[in-house]
Amino acid sequence: VNCRVCDLENQAELEEKTRLINQVLELQHTLEDLSARVDAVKEENLKLKSENQVLGQYIENLMSASSVFQTTDTKSKRK
C-alpha cells in the first residue's frame, strides 16, 4: 500500500514539474517574441527619425527659398 501511495505522489509531482516546465518554455517563447518585437520597433524608430530629419531639412530649404517665409521689415509695410 505504501508503494502505491508513493507512486501516486511521484506521479503528481512529475505532472506538476512537467506543467511548470511547459509554462517556463511558453514564457521563454513569449519573451523571445517580445524581444524581437522591441528590436523591430527600435529599428523602425531609427528609420523614422532619419526620415524626419530629411523632411525637416527639406522644409527648412523650402522655407528659406520662399519669399513668403523671409523676414521683412514691418515698418516699411505701414502707411
C-alpha atoms as a PDB file:
ATOM      1  CA  VAL A   1       0.000   0.000   0.000  1.00  0.00           C
ATOM      2  CA  ASN A   2       2.845   2.386   0.818  1.00  0.00           C
ATOM      3  CA  CYS A   3       4.375   1.904  -2.625  1.00  0.00           C
ATOM      4  CA  ARG A   4       1.024   2.710  -4.235  1.00  0.00           C
ATOM      5  CA  VAL A   5       0.804   5.997  -2.300  1.00  0.00           C
ATOM      6  CA  CYS A   6       4.422   6.765  -3.194  1.00  0.00           C
ATOM      7  CA  ASP A   7       3.699   6.083  -6.853  1.00  0.00           C
ATOM      8  CA  LEU A   8       0.702   8.439  -6.788  1.00  0.00           C
ATOM      9  CA  GLU A   9       2.734  11.150  -5.064  1.00  0.00           C
ATOM     10  CA  ASN A  10       5.586  10.706  -7.534  1.00  0.00           C
ATOM     11  CA  GLN A  11       3.129  10.825 -10.436  1.00  0.00           C
ATOM     12  CA  ALA A  12       1.540  14.038  -9.118  1.00  0.00           C
ATOM     13  CA  GLU A  13       4.967  15.565  -8.563  1.00  0.00           C
ATOM     14  CA  LEU A  14       6.066  14.590 -12.050  1.00  0.00           C
ATOM     15  CA  GLU A  15       2.904  16.099 -13.569  1.00  0.00           C
ATOM     16  CA  GLU A  16       3.466  19.333 -11.641  1.00  0.00           C
ATOM     17  CA  LYS A  17       7.092  19.506 -12.790  1.00  0.00           C
ATOM     18  CA  THR A  18       6.025  18.881 -16.382  1.00  0.00           C
ATOM     19  CA  ARG A  19       3.376  21.604 -16.113  1.00  0.00           C
ATOM     20  CA  LEU A  20       5.919  24.066 -14.702  1.00  0.00           C
ATOM     21  CA  ILE A  21       8.489  23.208 -17.366  1.00  0.00           C
ATOM     22  CA  ASN A  22       5.894  23.772 -20.097  1.00  0.00           C
ATOM     23  CA  GLN A  23       4.926  27.076 -18.511  1.00  0.00           C
ATOM     24  CA  VAL A  24       8.581  28.170 -18.362  1.00  0.00           C
ATOM     25  CA  LEU A  25       9.085  27.218 -22.017  1.00  0.00           C
ATOM     26  CA  GLU A  26       5.980  29.157 -23.022  1.00  0.00           C
ATOM     27  CA  LEU A  27       7.196  32.206 -21.112  1.00  0.00           C
ATOM     28  CA  GLN A  28      10.612  31.918 -22.770  1.00  0.00           C
ATOM     29  CA  HIS A  29       8.981  31.902 -26.201  1.00  0.00           C
ATOM     30  CA  THR A  30       6.850  34.889 -25.246  1.00  0.00           C
ATOM     31  CA  LEU A  31       9.955  36.731 -24.061  1.00  0.00           C
ATOM     32  CA  GLU A  32      11.769  35.903 -27.310  1.00  0.00           C
ATOM     33  CA  ASP A  33       8.806  37.203 -29.318  1.00  0.00           C
ATOM     34  CA  LEU A  34       8.643  40.403 -27.275  1.00  0.00           C
ATOM     35  CA  SER A  35      12.383  40.923 -27.579  1.00  0.00           C
ATOM     36  CA  ALA A  36      12.199  40.529 -31.362  1.00  0.00           C
ATOM     37  CA  ARG A  37       9.297  42.993 -31.451  1.00  0.00           C
ATOM     38  CA  VAL A  38      11.270  45.525 -29.397  1.00  0.00           C
ATOM     39  CA  ASP A  39      14.208  45.207 -31.796  1.00  0.00           C
ATOM     40  CA  ALA A  40      11.897  45.722 -34.794  1.00  0.00           C
ATOM     41  CA  VAL A  41      10.306  48.782 -33.183  1.00  0.00           C
ATOM     42  CA  LYS A  42      13.728  50.259 -32.360  1.00  0.00           C
ATOM     43  CA  GLU A  43      14.810  49.764 -35.963  1.00  0.00           C
ATOM     44  CA  GLU A  44      11.612  51.352 -37.275  1.00  0.00           C
ATOM     45  CA  ASN A  45      12.056  54.245 -34.841  1.00  0.00           C
ATOM     46  CA  LEU A  46      15.588  54.931 -36.105  1.00  0.00           C
ATOM     47  CA  LYS A  47      14.345  54.819 -39.693  1.00  0.00           C
ATOM     48  CA  LEU A  48      11.529  57.267 -38.941  1.00  0.00           C
ATOM     49  CA  LYS A  49      13.882  59.616 -37.067  1.00  0.00           C
ATOM     50  CA  SER A  50      16.156  59.665 -40.098  1.00  0.00           C
ATOM     51  CA  GLU A  51      13.229  60.332 -42.431  1.00  0.00           C
ATOM     52  CA  ASN A  52      12.035  63.138 -40.140  1.00  0.00           C
ATOM     53  CA  GLN A  53      15.466  64.759 -40.264  1.00  0.00           C
ATOM     54  CA  VAL A  54      15.447  64.624 -44.071  1.00  0.00           C
ATOM     55  CA  LEU A  55      11.929  66.071 -44.222  1.00  0.00           C
ATOM     56  CA  GLY A  56      12.800  68.751 -41.686  1.00  0.00           C
ATOM     57  CA  GLN A  57      15.816  69.811 -43.738  1.00  0.00           C
ATOM     58  CA  TYR A  58      13.714  69.778 -46.907  1.00  0.00           C
ATOM     59  CA  ILE A  59      11.083  72.011 -45.282  1.00  0.00           C
ATOM     60  CA  GLU A  60      13.769  74.385 -43.995  1.00  0.00           C
ATOM     61  CA  ASN A  61      15.224  74.626 -47.502  1.00  0.00           C
ATOM     62  CA  LEU A  62      11.804  75.323 -48.996  1.00  0.00           C
ATOM     63  CA  MET A  63      11.071  77.977 -46.392  1.00  0.00           C
ATOM     64  CA  SER A  64      14.410  79.712 -46.908  1.00  0.00           C
ATOM     65  CA  ALA A  65      13.896  79.689 -50.689  1.00  0.00           C
ATOM     66  CA  SER A  66      10.389  81.120 -50.471  1.00  0.00           C
ATOM     67  CA  SER A  67       9.836  84.855 -50.089  1.00  0.00           C
ATOM     68  CA  VAL A  68       6.690  84.161 -48.050  1.00  0.00           C
ATOM     69  CA  PHE A  69       8.783  82.988 -45.107  1.00  0.00           C
ATOM     70  CA  GLN A  70      11.518  85.628 -45.352  1.00  0.00           C
ATOM     71  CA  THR A  71      11.748  88.115 -42.511  1.00  0.00           C
ATOM     72  CA  THR A  72      10.553  91.533 -43.575  1.00  0.00           C
ATOM     73  CA  ASP A  73      10.720  94.981 -42.073  1.00  0.00           C
ATOM     74  CA  THR A  74       7.176  95.620 -40.759  1.00  0.00           C
ATOM     75  CA  LYS A  75       7.688  99.422 -40.674  1.00  0.00           C
ATOM     76  CA  SER A  76       8.124  99.639 -44.424  1.00  0.00           C
ATOM     77  CA  LYS A  77       4.728  97.985 -44.963  1.00  0.00           C
ATOM     78  CA  ARG A  78       2.890 100.517 -42.778  1.00  0.00           C
ATOM     79  CA  LYS A  79       1.336 103.549 -44.428  1.00  0.00           C
END
